[in-house]
N, C-alpha and C. Protein backbone atom coordinates (compact mmCIF):
# COMPACT_ATOMS: atom_id res chain seq x y z
N MET A 1 162.99 23.01 -109.00
CA MET A 1 163.76 23.73 -110.02
C MET A 1 163.20 25.14 -110.17
N ASP A 2 164.04 26.16 -109.94
CA ASP A 2 163.51 27.53 -109.91
C ASP A 2 163.65 28.27 -111.24
N PHE A 3 164.47 27.76 -112.18
CA PHE A 3 164.66 28.35 -113.50
C PHE A 3 165.22 29.77 -113.46
N ILE A 4 165.90 30.11 -112.36
CA ILE A 4 166.68 31.34 -112.36
C ILE A 4 167.83 31.15 -113.35
N PHE A 5 168.15 32.18 -114.11
CA PHE A 5 169.18 32.05 -115.14
C PHE A 5 170.51 31.62 -114.53
N ASP A 6 171.06 30.54 -115.06
CA ASP A 6 172.33 29.99 -114.58
C ASP A 6 173.23 29.81 -115.81
N GLU A 7 174.08 30.78 -116.05
CA GLU A 7 174.92 30.76 -117.24
C GLU A 7 175.81 29.52 -117.28
N ARG A 8 176.40 29.18 -116.17
CA ARG A 8 177.31 28.04 -116.14
C ARG A 8 176.59 26.73 -116.48
N LEU A 9 175.41 26.54 -115.92
CA LEU A 9 174.64 25.33 -116.20
C LEU A 9 174.28 25.23 -117.67
N ILE A 10 173.75 26.30 -118.24
CA ILE A 10 173.30 26.25 -119.63
C ILE A 10 174.48 26.02 -120.57
N ARG A 11 175.57 26.74 -120.34
CA ARG A 11 176.77 26.54 -121.18
C ARG A 11 177.22 25.08 -121.15
N SER A 12 177.17 24.48 -119.99
CA SER A 12 177.69 23.12 -119.83
C SER A 12 176.84 22.09 -120.57
N LYS A 13 175.59 22.43 -120.85
CA LYS A 13 174.67 21.48 -121.49
C LYS A 13 174.62 21.64 -123.01
N LEU A 14 175.03 22.79 -123.50
CA LEU A 14 174.94 23.06 -124.93
C LEU A 14 176.20 22.60 -125.66
N LYS A 15 176.12 22.59 -126.98
CA LYS A 15 177.25 22.20 -127.82
C LYS A 15 177.75 23.39 -128.62
N ASP A 16 178.98 23.30 -129.09
CA ASP A 16 179.49 24.28 -130.04
C ASP A 16 178.85 24.03 -131.40
N TYR A 17 178.80 25.07 -132.22
CA TYR A 17 178.21 24.92 -133.55
C TYR A 17 178.84 23.79 -134.33
N ASP A 18 180.16 23.68 -134.29
CA ASP A 18 180.86 22.69 -135.10
C ASP A 18 181.13 21.38 -134.36
N SER A 19 180.46 21.15 -133.25
CA SER A 19 180.64 19.90 -132.52
C SER A 19 180.13 18.72 -133.35
N PRO A 20 180.89 17.63 -133.41
CA PRO A 20 180.43 16.44 -134.15
C PRO A 20 179.20 15.80 -133.50
N ASP A 21 178.90 16.17 -132.27
CA ASP A 21 177.74 15.62 -131.56
C ASP A 21 176.47 16.41 -131.81
N ARG A 22 176.59 17.54 -132.50
CA ARG A 22 175.41 18.36 -132.78
C ARG A 22 174.81 17.94 -134.13
N LEU A 23 173.49 17.77 -134.20
CA LEU A 23 172.83 17.42 -135.44
C LEU A 23 172.86 18.61 -136.39
N SER A 24 173.54 18.46 -137.50
CA SER A 24 173.66 19.52 -138.51
C SER A 24 173.08 19.00 -139.83
N MET A 25 172.12 19.73 -140.38
CA MET A 25 171.46 19.30 -141.61
C MET A 25 171.94 20.12 -142.81
N SER A 26 171.92 19.48 -143.98
CA SER A 26 172.29 20.17 -145.21
C SER A 26 171.64 19.45 -146.38
N HIS A 27 171.10 20.23 -147.31
CA HIS A 27 170.50 19.64 -148.51
C HIS A 27 170.41 20.72 -149.57
N GLU A 28 170.72 20.37 -150.79
CA GLU A 28 170.77 21.36 -151.87
C GLU A 28 169.43 22.03 -152.15
N HIS A 29 168.33 21.39 -151.82
CA HIS A 29 167.02 21.96 -152.11
C HIS A 29 166.39 22.68 -150.91
N PHE A 30 167.13 22.78 -149.81
CA PHE A 30 166.61 23.45 -148.62
C PHE A 30 167.37 24.75 -148.38
N VAL A 31 166.72 25.69 -147.71
CA VAL A 31 167.30 27.00 -147.43
C VAL A 31 167.87 27.02 -146.01
N ASN A 32 169.15 27.34 -145.90
CA ASN A 32 169.76 27.43 -144.57
C ASN A 32 169.45 28.78 -143.92
N SER A 33 169.11 28.73 -142.66
CA SER A 33 168.80 29.94 -141.90
C SER A 33 169.33 29.78 -140.48
N ALA A 34 169.33 30.86 -139.74
CA ALA A 34 169.82 30.82 -138.36
C ALA A 34 168.99 31.76 -137.50
N VAL A 35 168.79 31.37 -136.25
CA VAL A 35 168.02 32.19 -135.31
C VAL A 35 168.79 32.34 -134.01
N VAL A 36 168.38 33.33 -133.23
CA VAL A 36 168.90 33.50 -131.88
C VAL A 36 167.82 33.05 -130.90
N PHE A 37 168.11 31.98 -130.20
CA PHE A 37 167.25 31.52 -129.09
C PHE A 37 167.57 32.47 -127.94
N LEU A 38 166.76 33.50 -127.79
CA LEU A 38 167.15 34.63 -126.95
C LEU A 38 166.56 34.55 -125.55
N ILE A 39 167.45 34.56 -124.56
CA ILE A 39 167.08 34.54 -123.15
C ILE A 39 167.16 35.95 -122.59
N PHE A 40 166.09 36.37 -121.93
CA PHE A 40 166.02 37.68 -121.28
C PHE A 40 166.13 37.41 -119.78
N GLN A 41 167.30 37.67 -119.22
CA GLN A 41 167.57 37.24 -117.85
C GLN A 41 167.19 38.30 -116.81
N TYR A 42 166.81 37.80 -115.64
CA TYR A 42 166.54 38.64 -114.47
C TYR A 42 167.42 38.13 -113.32
N LYS A 43 167.59 38.94 -112.31
CA LYS A 43 168.44 38.54 -111.20
C LYS A 43 167.74 37.60 -110.23
N GLU A 44 166.45 37.83 -109.98
CA GLU A 44 165.80 37.11 -108.90
C GLU A 44 164.51 36.41 -109.31
N LYS A 45 164.27 36.24 -110.59
CA LYS A 45 163.10 35.49 -111.02
C LYS A 45 163.44 34.73 -112.30
N PRO A 46 162.65 33.73 -112.65
CA PRO A 46 162.93 32.94 -113.85
C PRO A 46 163.01 33.81 -115.10
N TYR A 47 163.86 33.38 -116.02
CA TYR A 47 164.07 34.16 -117.23
C TYR A 47 162.93 33.97 -118.23
N ASP A 48 162.88 34.89 -119.18
CA ASP A 48 161.93 34.82 -120.29
C ASP A 48 162.65 34.40 -121.56
N LEU A 49 161.90 33.86 -122.51
CA LEU A 49 162.36 33.70 -123.87
C LEU A 49 161.75 34.81 -124.71
N VAL A 50 162.55 35.36 -125.62
CA VAL A 50 162.08 36.46 -126.47
C VAL A 50 161.73 35.89 -127.84
N LEU A 51 160.46 35.99 -128.21
CA LEU A 51 160.00 35.55 -129.52
C LEU A 51 159.41 36.74 -130.26
N ILE A 52 159.23 36.57 -131.54
CA ILE A 52 158.58 37.60 -132.34
C ILE A 52 157.41 36.99 -133.10
N ARG A 53 156.42 37.84 -133.37
CA ARG A 53 155.38 37.46 -134.32
C ARG A 53 155.73 38.16 -135.63
N ARG A 54 155.90 37.38 -136.68
CA ARG A 54 156.32 37.94 -137.96
C ARG A 54 155.19 38.73 -138.59
N THR A 55 155.54 39.87 -139.19
CA THR A 55 154.56 40.69 -139.89
C THR A 55 154.00 39.91 -141.07
N LYS A 56 152.70 40.03 -141.29
CA LYS A 56 152.07 39.32 -142.41
C LYS A 56 152.55 39.91 -143.73
N SER A 57 153.01 39.01 -144.61
CA SER A 57 153.57 39.44 -145.89
C SER A 57 153.47 38.30 -146.89
N ASN A 58 153.13 38.63 -148.11
CA ASN A 58 153.03 37.61 -149.15
C ASN A 58 154.38 37.02 -149.53
N SER A 59 155.45 37.73 -149.23
CA SER A 59 156.79 37.27 -149.61
C SER A 59 157.46 36.41 -148.54
N ASP A 60 156.81 36.26 -147.39
CA ASP A 60 157.38 35.52 -146.26
C ASP A 60 156.62 34.21 -146.09
N LYS A 61 157.32 33.09 -146.27
CA LYS A 61 156.67 31.79 -146.14
C LYS A 61 156.18 31.51 -144.73
N HIS A 62 156.77 32.21 -143.74
CA HIS A 62 156.35 32.02 -142.35
C HIS A 62 155.65 33.28 -141.82
N SER A 63 154.97 33.96 -142.72
CA SER A 63 154.25 35.19 -142.39
C SER A 63 153.25 34.98 -141.25
N GLY A 64 153.27 35.89 -140.28
CA GLY A 64 152.31 35.87 -139.18
C GLY A 64 152.62 34.86 -138.09
N GLU A 65 153.66 34.05 -138.26
CA GLU A 65 153.96 33.00 -137.28
C GLU A 65 154.84 33.52 -136.14
N MET A 66 154.84 32.77 -135.05
CA MET A 66 155.74 33.05 -133.94
C MET A 66 157.08 32.37 -134.22
N SER A 67 158.15 33.08 -133.94
CA SER A 67 159.48 32.52 -134.19
C SER A 67 160.50 33.22 -133.30
N PHE A 68 161.73 32.73 -133.36
CA PHE A 68 162.85 33.46 -132.77
C PHE A 68 163.38 34.45 -133.80
N PRO A 69 164.03 35.54 -133.37
CA PRO A 69 164.64 36.45 -134.33
C PRO A 69 165.66 35.70 -135.19
N GLY A 70 165.62 35.95 -136.49
CA GLY A 70 166.56 35.27 -137.38
C GLY A 70 166.08 35.31 -138.82
N GLY A 71 166.82 34.67 -139.69
CA GLY A 71 166.45 34.67 -141.10
C GLY A 71 167.41 33.86 -141.94
N LYS A 72 167.31 34.05 -143.25
CA LYS A 72 168.08 33.27 -144.21
C LYS A 72 169.54 33.69 -144.25
N PHE A 73 170.39 32.71 -144.44
CA PHE A 73 171.81 32.97 -144.66
C PHE A 73 171.98 33.72 -145.98
N ASP A 74 172.75 34.81 -145.94
CA ASP A 74 173.01 35.61 -147.13
C ASP A 74 174.51 35.61 -147.39
N PRO A 75 174.96 34.91 -148.43
CA PRO A 75 176.42 34.81 -148.68
C PRO A 75 177.07 36.14 -148.98
N LYS A 76 176.29 37.15 -149.36
CA LYS A 76 176.84 38.48 -149.62
C LYS A 76 177.10 39.25 -148.33
N LEU A 77 176.38 38.89 -147.27
CA LEU A 77 176.49 39.63 -146.01
C LEU A 77 177.11 38.81 -144.87
N ASP A 78 177.00 37.48 -144.96
CA ASP A 78 177.37 36.63 -143.84
C ASP A 78 178.50 35.66 -144.21
N LYS A 79 179.45 35.52 -143.30
CA LYS A 79 180.48 34.50 -143.46
C LYS A 79 180.09 33.20 -142.78
N THR A 80 179.29 33.32 -141.72
CA THR A 80 178.87 32.16 -140.95
C THR A 80 177.39 32.26 -140.62
N TYR A 81 176.82 31.16 -140.13
CA TYR A 81 175.42 31.20 -139.70
C TYR A 81 175.25 32.05 -138.45
N LEU A 82 176.28 32.14 -137.63
CA LEU A 82 176.20 33.04 -136.47
C LEU A 82 176.10 34.48 -136.94
N ASP A 83 176.84 34.84 -138.00
CA ASP A 83 176.71 36.18 -138.59
C ASP A 83 175.25 36.44 -138.99
N THR A 84 174.64 35.43 -139.60
CA THR A 84 173.24 35.56 -140.02
C THR A 84 172.34 35.84 -138.82
N ALA A 85 172.48 35.02 -137.79
CA ALA A 85 171.62 35.15 -136.62
C ALA A 85 171.76 36.52 -135.96
N LEU A 86 173.01 36.98 -135.78
CA LEU A 86 173.23 38.27 -135.12
C LEU A 86 172.81 39.45 -135.99
N ARG A 87 173.03 39.34 -137.29
CA ARG A 87 172.60 40.40 -138.21
C ARG A 87 171.08 40.55 -138.18
N GLU A 88 170.39 39.43 -138.25
CA GLU A 88 168.93 39.47 -138.23
C GLU A 88 168.39 39.93 -136.88
N LEU A 89 169.07 39.57 -135.81
CA LEU A 89 168.65 40.01 -134.48
C LEU A 89 168.65 41.53 -134.39
N GLU A 90 169.72 42.14 -134.90
CA GLU A 90 169.80 43.60 -134.86
C GLU A 90 168.78 44.23 -135.80
N GLU A 91 168.61 43.65 -136.98
CA GLU A 91 167.66 44.21 -137.93
C GLU A 91 166.23 44.11 -137.41
N GLU A 92 165.88 42.99 -136.82
CA GLU A 92 164.48 42.75 -136.46
C GLU A 92 164.06 43.37 -135.14
N ILE A 93 164.94 43.32 -134.12
CA ILE A 93 164.52 43.87 -132.82
C ILE A 93 165.56 44.81 -132.21
N GLY A 94 166.50 45.28 -133.02
CA GLY A 94 167.36 46.38 -132.61
C GLY A 94 168.40 46.07 -131.56
N ILE A 95 168.79 44.80 -131.39
CA ILE A 95 169.80 44.45 -130.40
C ILE A 95 171.15 44.29 -131.09
N PRO A 96 172.13 45.17 -130.81
CA PRO A 96 173.44 45.06 -131.46
C PRO A 96 174.19 43.83 -130.99
N TYR A 97 175.06 43.32 -131.85
CA TYR A 97 175.75 42.06 -131.56
C TYR A 97 176.59 42.12 -130.30
N ASP A 98 177.11 43.33 -129.95
CA ASP A 98 177.97 43.41 -128.77
C ASP A 98 177.18 43.45 -127.46
N SER A 99 175.84 43.41 -127.55
CA SER A 99 175.01 43.34 -126.34
C SER A 99 174.56 41.91 -126.05
N VAL A 100 174.96 40.98 -126.91
CA VAL A 100 174.50 39.59 -126.82
C VAL A 100 175.67 38.70 -126.41
N LYS A 101 175.40 37.77 -125.52
CA LYS A 101 176.42 36.78 -125.14
C LYS A 101 175.96 35.40 -125.60
N ILE A 102 176.74 34.78 -126.46
CA ILE A 102 176.41 33.47 -127.00
C ILE A 102 176.77 32.39 -125.98
N LEU A 103 175.83 31.48 -125.75
CA LEU A 103 176.03 30.40 -124.79
C LEU A 103 176.37 29.07 -125.44
N GLY A 104 175.94 28.89 -126.68
CA GLY A 104 176.16 27.63 -127.36
C GLY A 104 175.12 27.41 -128.44
N CYS A 105 174.99 26.18 -128.84
CA CYS A 105 174.15 25.86 -129.98
C CYS A 105 173.40 24.56 -129.69
N ILE A 106 172.23 24.39 -130.32
CA ILE A 106 171.53 23.12 -130.25
C ILE A 106 171.33 22.57 -131.66
N ASP A 107 170.70 21.42 -131.76
CA ASP A 107 170.56 20.75 -133.05
C ASP A 107 169.80 21.60 -134.07
N ASP A 108 170.16 21.42 -135.33
CA ASP A 108 169.38 22.02 -136.42
C ASP A 108 167.97 21.45 -136.41
N HIS A 109 167.01 22.28 -136.80
CA HIS A 109 165.63 21.83 -136.95
C HIS A 109 165.13 22.23 -138.33
N LEU A 110 164.09 21.55 -138.76
CA LEU A 110 163.59 21.71 -140.12
C LEU A 110 162.15 22.20 -140.10
N THR A 111 161.82 23.13 -141.00
CA THR A 111 160.43 23.51 -141.16
C THR A 111 159.86 22.77 -142.37
N PRO A 112 158.57 22.45 -142.36
CA PRO A 112 157.96 21.75 -143.49
C PRO A 112 158.03 22.54 -144.79
N LYS A 113 158.33 23.83 -144.70
CA LYS A 113 158.41 24.66 -145.90
C LYS A 113 159.82 24.70 -146.48
N GLY A 114 160.71 23.87 -145.96
CA GLY A 114 162.01 23.71 -146.57
C GLY A 114 163.12 24.58 -146.04
N PHE A 115 163.03 25.02 -144.78
CA PHE A 115 164.09 25.81 -144.17
C PHE A 115 164.80 24.97 -143.10
N ILE A 116 166.12 24.95 -143.16
CA ILE A 116 166.94 24.35 -142.11
C ILE A 116 167.32 25.47 -141.15
N VAL A 117 166.98 25.30 -139.88
CA VAL A 117 167.18 26.36 -138.88
C VAL A 117 168.29 25.96 -137.92
N THR A 118 169.32 26.78 -137.83
CA THR A 118 170.40 26.58 -136.86
C THR A 118 170.18 27.55 -135.69
N PRO A 119 169.92 27.04 -134.48
CA PRO A 119 169.62 27.92 -133.34
C PRO A 119 170.86 28.16 -132.47
N PHE A 120 171.19 29.43 -132.29
CA PHE A 120 172.25 29.84 -131.37
C PHE A 120 171.59 30.37 -130.10
N VAL A 121 171.96 29.81 -128.97
CA VAL A 121 171.39 30.23 -127.69
C VAL A 121 172.22 31.38 -127.15
N ALA A 122 171.53 32.45 -126.74
CA ALA A 122 172.23 33.65 -126.24
C ALA A 122 171.38 34.31 -125.17
N PHE A 123 171.99 35.23 -124.44
CA PHE A 123 171.21 35.97 -123.44
C PHE A 123 171.57 37.45 -123.47
N ILE A 124 170.62 38.23 -122.99
CA ILE A 124 170.82 39.66 -122.81
C ILE A 124 170.35 40.03 -121.40
N ASN A 125 170.84 41.15 -120.91
CA ASN A 125 170.41 41.65 -119.61
C ASN A 125 169.06 42.35 -119.72
N SER A 126 168.37 42.45 -118.61
CA SER A 126 167.01 43.01 -118.63
C SER A 126 166.97 44.51 -118.90
N ASP A 127 168.12 45.17 -118.92
CA ASP A 127 168.11 46.61 -119.21
C ASP A 127 168.28 46.90 -120.71
N ILE A 128 168.41 45.87 -121.53
CA ILE A 128 168.55 46.07 -122.97
C ILE A 128 167.18 46.40 -123.58
N LYS A 129 167.15 47.45 -124.37
CA LYS A 129 165.90 47.85 -125.03
C LYS A 129 165.77 47.13 -126.36
N MET A 130 164.55 46.75 -126.69
CA MET A 130 164.27 46.08 -127.96
C MET A 130 163.32 46.95 -128.79
N ILE A 131 163.68 47.16 -130.04
CA ILE A 131 162.87 47.99 -130.93
C ILE A 131 162.57 47.19 -132.19
N LYS A 132 161.31 46.94 -132.44
CA LYS A 132 160.95 46.09 -133.58
C LYS A 132 161.06 46.82 -134.91
N GLN A 133 161.45 46.08 -135.93
CA GLN A 133 161.41 46.57 -137.30
C GLN A 133 160.03 46.22 -137.85
N VAL A 134 159.18 47.22 -137.99
CA VAL A 134 157.75 46.98 -138.26
C VAL A 134 157.52 46.20 -139.54
N SER A 135 158.38 46.38 -140.54
CA SER A 135 158.17 45.69 -141.80
C SER A 135 158.33 44.18 -141.67
N GLU A 136 159.05 43.72 -140.63
CA GLU A 136 159.28 42.29 -140.45
C GLU A 136 158.68 41.74 -139.16
N VAL A 137 158.50 42.60 -138.16
CA VAL A 137 158.07 42.13 -136.84
C VAL A 137 156.83 42.91 -136.41
N SER A 138 155.74 42.19 -136.16
CA SER A 138 154.53 42.87 -135.68
C SER A 138 154.50 42.98 -134.17
N GLU A 139 155.14 42.00 -133.48
CA GLU A 139 155.19 42.04 -132.01
C GLU A 139 156.47 41.39 -131.51
N ILE A 140 156.98 41.90 -130.40
CA ILE A 140 158.03 41.24 -129.62
C ILE A 140 157.34 40.70 -128.37
N VAL A 141 157.49 39.42 -128.12
CA VAL A 141 156.76 38.78 -127.03
C VAL A 141 157.73 38.06 -126.10
N LYS A 142 157.66 38.40 -124.82
CA LYS A 142 158.47 37.71 -123.81
C LYS A 142 157.59 36.70 -123.08
N ILE A 143 158.05 35.44 -123.05
CA ILE A 143 157.27 34.37 -122.45
C ILE A 143 158.14 33.67 -121.41
N PRO A 144 157.63 33.49 -120.19
CA PRO A 144 158.45 32.87 -119.12
C PRO A 144 158.86 31.44 -119.47
N ILE A 145 160.09 31.10 -119.16
CA ILE A 145 160.58 29.74 -119.38
C ILE A 145 159.74 28.74 -118.58
N THR A 146 159.19 29.18 -117.46
CA THR A 146 158.38 28.28 -116.63
C THR A 146 157.13 27.82 -117.37
N PHE A 147 156.60 28.64 -118.26
CA PHE A 147 155.45 28.22 -119.07
C PHE A 147 155.84 27.06 -119.97
N PHE A 148 156.94 27.20 -120.67
CA PHE A 148 157.36 26.15 -121.60
C PHE A 148 157.80 24.88 -120.87
N ALA A 149 158.33 25.01 -119.66
CA ALA A 149 158.82 23.85 -118.92
C ALA A 149 157.70 23.05 -118.25
N ASN A 150 156.50 23.58 -118.26
CA ASN A 150 155.35 22.89 -117.68
C ASN A 150 154.79 21.90 -118.71
N LYS A 151 154.90 20.61 -118.44
CA LYS A 151 154.46 19.59 -119.40
C LYS A 151 152.99 19.75 -119.79
N GLU A 152 152.18 20.28 -118.91
CA GLU A 152 150.76 20.43 -119.21
C GLU A 152 150.52 21.45 -120.32
N ASN A 153 151.49 22.30 -120.59
CA ASN A 153 151.31 23.34 -121.62
C ASN A 153 151.76 22.89 -123.00
N PHE A 154 152.37 21.71 -123.10
CA PHE A 154 152.89 21.23 -124.38
C PHE A 154 151.98 20.14 -124.92
N ARG A 155 151.58 20.30 -126.17
CA ARG A 155 150.75 19.31 -126.84
C ARG A 155 151.53 18.73 -128.02
N GLU A 156 151.64 17.42 -128.05
CA GLU A 156 152.39 16.77 -129.11
C GLU A 156 151.58 15.61 -129.69
N ARG A 157 151.38 15.65 -131.00
CA ARG A 157 150.76 14.50 -131.67
C ARG A 157 151.86 13.73 -132.40
N THR A 158 151.65 12.46 -132.56
CA THR A 158 152.64 11.62 -133.22
C THR A 158 152.00 10.90 -134.40
N TYR A 159 152.81 10.56 -135.38
CA TYR A 159 152.35 9.77 -136.51
C TYR A 159 153.50 8.90 -137.01
N LYS A 160 153.15 7.84 -137.69
CA LYS A 160 154.16 6.91 -138.20
C LYS A 160 154.59 7.32 -139.61
N LEU A 161 155.88 7.35 -139.83
CA LEU A 161 156.45 7.58 -141.15
C LEU A 161 157.40 6.42 -141.43
N LYS A 162 156.95 5.53 -142.34
CA LYS A 162 157.67 4.27 -142.56
C LYS A 162 157.75 3.54 -141.21
N GLU A 163 158.93 3.35 -140.68
CA GLU A 163 159.04 2.63 -139.41
C GLU A 163 159.28 3.54 -138.22
N ASP A 164 159.27 4.86 -138.47
CA ASP A 164 159.60 5.80 -137.39
C ASP A 164 158.36 6.50 -136.85
N LEU A 165 158.44 6.91 -135.59
CA LEU A 165 157.41 7.70 -134.95
C LEU A 165 157.85 9.17 -134.98
N ILE A 166 157.06 10.01 -135.61
CA ILE A 166 157.38 11.43 -135.75
C ILE A 166 156.52 12.25 -134.79
N GLY A 167 157.14 13.20 -134.10
CA GLY A 167 156.41 14.06 -133.17
C GLY A 167 156.26 15.47 -133.71
N VAL A 168 155.04 16.03 -133.56
CA VAL A 168 154.75 17.41 -133.96
C VAL A 168 154.06 18.09 -132.79
N GLY A 169 154.68 19.15 -132.27
CA GLY A 169 154.14 19.75 -131.04
C GLY A 169 153.85 21.22 -131.14
N LYS A 170 153.14 21.73 -130.13
CA LYS A 170 152.84 23.17 -130.07
C LYS A 170 152.53 23.59 -128.64
N PHE A 171 152.64 24.89 -128.42
CA PHE A 171 152.24 25.53 -127.17
C PHE A 171 151.17 26.58 -127.49
N ASN A 172 150.18 26.71 -126.65
CA ASN A 172 149.22 27.81 -126.73
C ASN A 172 149.44 28.69 -125.50
N TYR A 173 150.02 29.87 -125.73
CA TYR A 173 150.33 30.77 -124.62
C TYR A 173 149.33 31.92 -124.58
N TYR A 174 148.83 32.22 -123.38
CA TYR A 174 147.95 33.37 -123.18
C TYR A 174 148.68 34.40 -122.33
N SER A 175 148.79 35.59 -122.84
CA SER A 175 149.47 36.66 -122.13
C SER A 175 148.65 37.11 -120.92
N PRO A 176 149.23 37.91 -120.04
CA PRO A 176 148.45 38.45 -118.91
C PRO A 176 147.21 39.22 -119.37
N GLU A 177 147.25 39.74 -120.61
CA GLU A 177 146.08 40.44 -121.17
C GLU A 177 145.15 39.48 -121.89
N ASN A 178 145.41 38.17 -121.76
CA ASN A 178 144.60 37.10 -122.35
C ASN A 178 144.67 37.08 -123.87
N LYS A 179 145.80 37.50 -124.42
CA LYS A 179 146.01 37.40 -125.86
C LYS A 179 146.68 36.07 -126.15
N LYS A 180 146.19 35.38 -127.18
CA LYS A 180 146.66 34.03 -127.47
C LYS A 180 147.81 34.05 -128.48
N TYR A 181 148.83 33.25 -128.19
CA TYR A 181 149.96 33.07 -129.10
C TYR A 181 150.17 31.56 -129.29
N VAL A 182 150.19 31.12 -130.52
CA VAL A 182 150.41 29.71 -130.82
C VAL A 182 151.84 29.55 -131.30
N ILE A 183 152.61 28.75 -130.59
CA ILE A 183 154.01 28.50 -130.94
C ILE A 183 154.08 27.05 -131.42
N PHE A 184 154.40 26.84 -132.69
CA PHE A 184 154.35 25.50 -133.24
C PHE A 184 155.53 25.26 -134.18
N GLY A 185 155.55 24.05 -134.76
CA GLY A 185 156.58 23.73 -135.75
C GLY A 185 157.98 23.79 -135.18
N ALA A 186 158.91 24.22 -136.02
CA ALA A 186 160.32 24.23 -135.62
C ALA A 186 160.57 25.07 -134.37
N THR A 187 159.83 26.18 -134.22
CA THR A 187 160.04 27.04 -133.05
C THR A 187 159.72 26.29 -131.76
N SER A 188 158.58 25.60 -131.72
CA SER A 188 158.23 24.84 -130.52
C SER A 188 159.21 23.69 -130.30
N HIS A 189 159.66 23.07 -131.38
CA HIS A 189 160.59 21.94 -131.25
C HIS A 189 161.96 22.38 -130.75
N ILE A 190 162.39 23.56 -131.17
CA ILE A 190 163.66 24.12 -130.68
C ILE A 190 163.56 24.37 -129.17
N ILE A 191 162.43 24.91 -128.73
CA ILE A 191 162.24 25.17 -127.30
C ILE A 191 162.26 23.87 -126.51
N VAL A 192 161.55 22.87 -127.00
CA VAL A 192 161.51 21.57 -126.32
C VAL A 192 162.91 20.95 -126.26
N LYS A 193 163.64 21.03 -127.37
CA LYS A 193 164.99 20.49 -127.40
C LYS A 193 165.87 21.18 -126.36
N PHE A 194 165.77 22.49 -126.26
CA PHE A 194 166.55 23.23 -125.27
C PHE A 194 166.21 22.78 -123.86
N ILE A 195 164.93 22.71 -123.54
CA ILE A 195 164.51 22.36 -122.18
C ILE A 195 164.92 20.93 -121.83
N ASP A 196 164.73 20.00 -122.78
CA ASP A 196 165.12 18.62 -122.50
C ASP A 196 166.64 18.47 -122.40
N THR A 197 167.38 19.28 -123.16
CA THR A 197 168.84 19.22 -123.11
C THR A 197 169.38 19.80 -121.81
N VAL A 198 168.86 20.95 -121.40
CA VAL A 198 169.40 21.64 -120.22
C VAL A 198 168.82 21.10 -118.92
N TYR A 199 167.52 20.79 -118.92
CA TYR A 199 166.85 20.43 -117.65
C TYR A 199 166.37 18.98 -117.60
N ASN A 200 166.48 18.26 -118.71
CA ASN A 200 166.14 16.83 -118.75
C ASN A 200 164.72 16.57 -118.23
N LEU A 201 163.75 17.32 -118.74
CA LEU A 201 162.37 17.18 -118.28
C LEU A 201 161.56 16.18 -119.09
N GLY A 202 162.07 15.77 -120.25
CA GLY A 202 161.36 14.76 -121.03
C GLY A 202 160.05 15.24 -121.62
N LEU A 203 160.03 16.45 -122.19
CA LEU A 203 158.79 16.96 -122.81
C LEU A 203 158.45 16.18 -124.08
N MET A 204 159.46 15.82 -124.86
CA MET A 204 159.23 15.13 -126.12
C MET A 204 158.78 13.70 -125.86
N THR A 205 157.83 13.23 -126.65
CA THR A 205 157.31 11.87 -126.50
C THR A 205 158.44 10.85 -126.67
N PRO A 206 158.64 9.96 -125.72
CA PRO A 206 159.71 8.97 -125.83
C PRO A 206 159.57 8.13 -127.10
N GLY A 207 160.70 7.91 -127.76
CA GLY A 207 160.70 7.06 -128.94
C GLY A 207 160.38 7.75 -130.25
N CYS A 208 160.07 9.04 -130.21
CA CYS A 208 159.76 9.73 -131.46
C CYS A 208 160.89 10.69 -131.84
N ARG A 209 160.87 11.12 -133.07
CA ARG A 209 161.87 12.06 -133.56
C ARG A 209 161.18 13.15 -134.38
N ARG A 210 161.96 14.14 -134.80
CA ARG A 210 161.45 15.21 -135.67
C ARG A 210 161.71 14.84 -137.13
N ILE A 211 161.07 15.56 -138.03
CA ILE A 211 161.31 15.33 -139.45
C ILE A 211 162.71 15.78 -139.85
N ASN A 212 163.25 15.17 -140.90
CA ASN A 212 164.53 15.60 -141.44
C ASN A 212 164.39 15.83 -142.95
N CYS A 213 165.48 16.23 -143.58
CA CYS A 213 165.43 16.58 -145.00
C CYS A 213 164.95 15.42 -145.87
N GLU A 214 165.42 14.22 -145.58
CA GLU A 214 165.05 13.07 -146.40
C GLU A 214 163.56 12.78 -146.33
N ASP A 215 162.93 13.10 -145.19
CA ASP A 215 161.50 12.83 -145.04
C ASP A 215 160.64 13.63 -146.02
N ILE A 216 161.06 14.86 -146.33
CA ILE A 216 160.18 15.73 -147.11
C ILE A 216 160.83 16.28 -148.37
N LYS A 217 162.00 15.77 -148.73
CA LYS A 217 162.72 16.34 -149.87
C LYS A 217 161.92 16.25 -151.17
N ASP A 218 161.19 15.15 -151.38
CA ASP A 218 160.44 15.01 -152.62
C ASP A 218 159.35 16.07 -152.74
N ARG A 219 158.73 16.43 -151.61
CA ARG A 219 157.70 17.46 -151.63
C ARG A 219 158.30 18.83 -151.91
N ILE A 220 159.48 19.11 -151.35
CA ILE A 220 160.13 20.40 -151.56
C ILE A 220 160.59 20.54 -153.01
N ILE A 221 161.17 19.47 -153.57
CA ILE A 221 161.67 19.52 -154.93
C ILE A 221 160.55 19.77 -155.93
N LYS A 222 159.38 19.19 -155.68
CA LYS A 222 158.25 19.39 -156.58
C LYS A 222 157.78 20.84 -156.56
């Protein structure tokens, strides 16, 4: 498997946002948000995923973490979650919506801090320039898909919740300059879901699942 960008393959494996087969979460005590699972394609080598390191801020519950570009749904600015994802993409790393091609959607994921994340998969060409919004983004980081697809790079611990096995995973990525980036929580789980959906590599521990709203609602409400 060479992981050269294949638009037709990826589209065929993903779901539409409103597909009844896509896991969609909703809860009155959780915050809905949307991100762009952003693919940076090349013609003759495997594609990269574009992530950001969030600027440290007391007002950001995910301050300093690695994530995909995105943010909270704003009913004053957004009609849909896709509007949210594209608006935040342009605000955070300067990519206008007309430079992005949407490929589809994957299951909603949940952060332990009470955010429901809807991921839209999209790609841009390698000639697109990215400019970070310093107040929200400290770094834009491109990481090869081949790193994430290597099972040896994924660490997942499991624990029992009632009768279910829950998986929590992370990646530790070192840049060519030997700088360490830890990708964990919903961001790592979204990446694993994408890889297992498109390439069927089985990164996720068999028999386990991710947390959902019912698992942690009492903690969020308190």
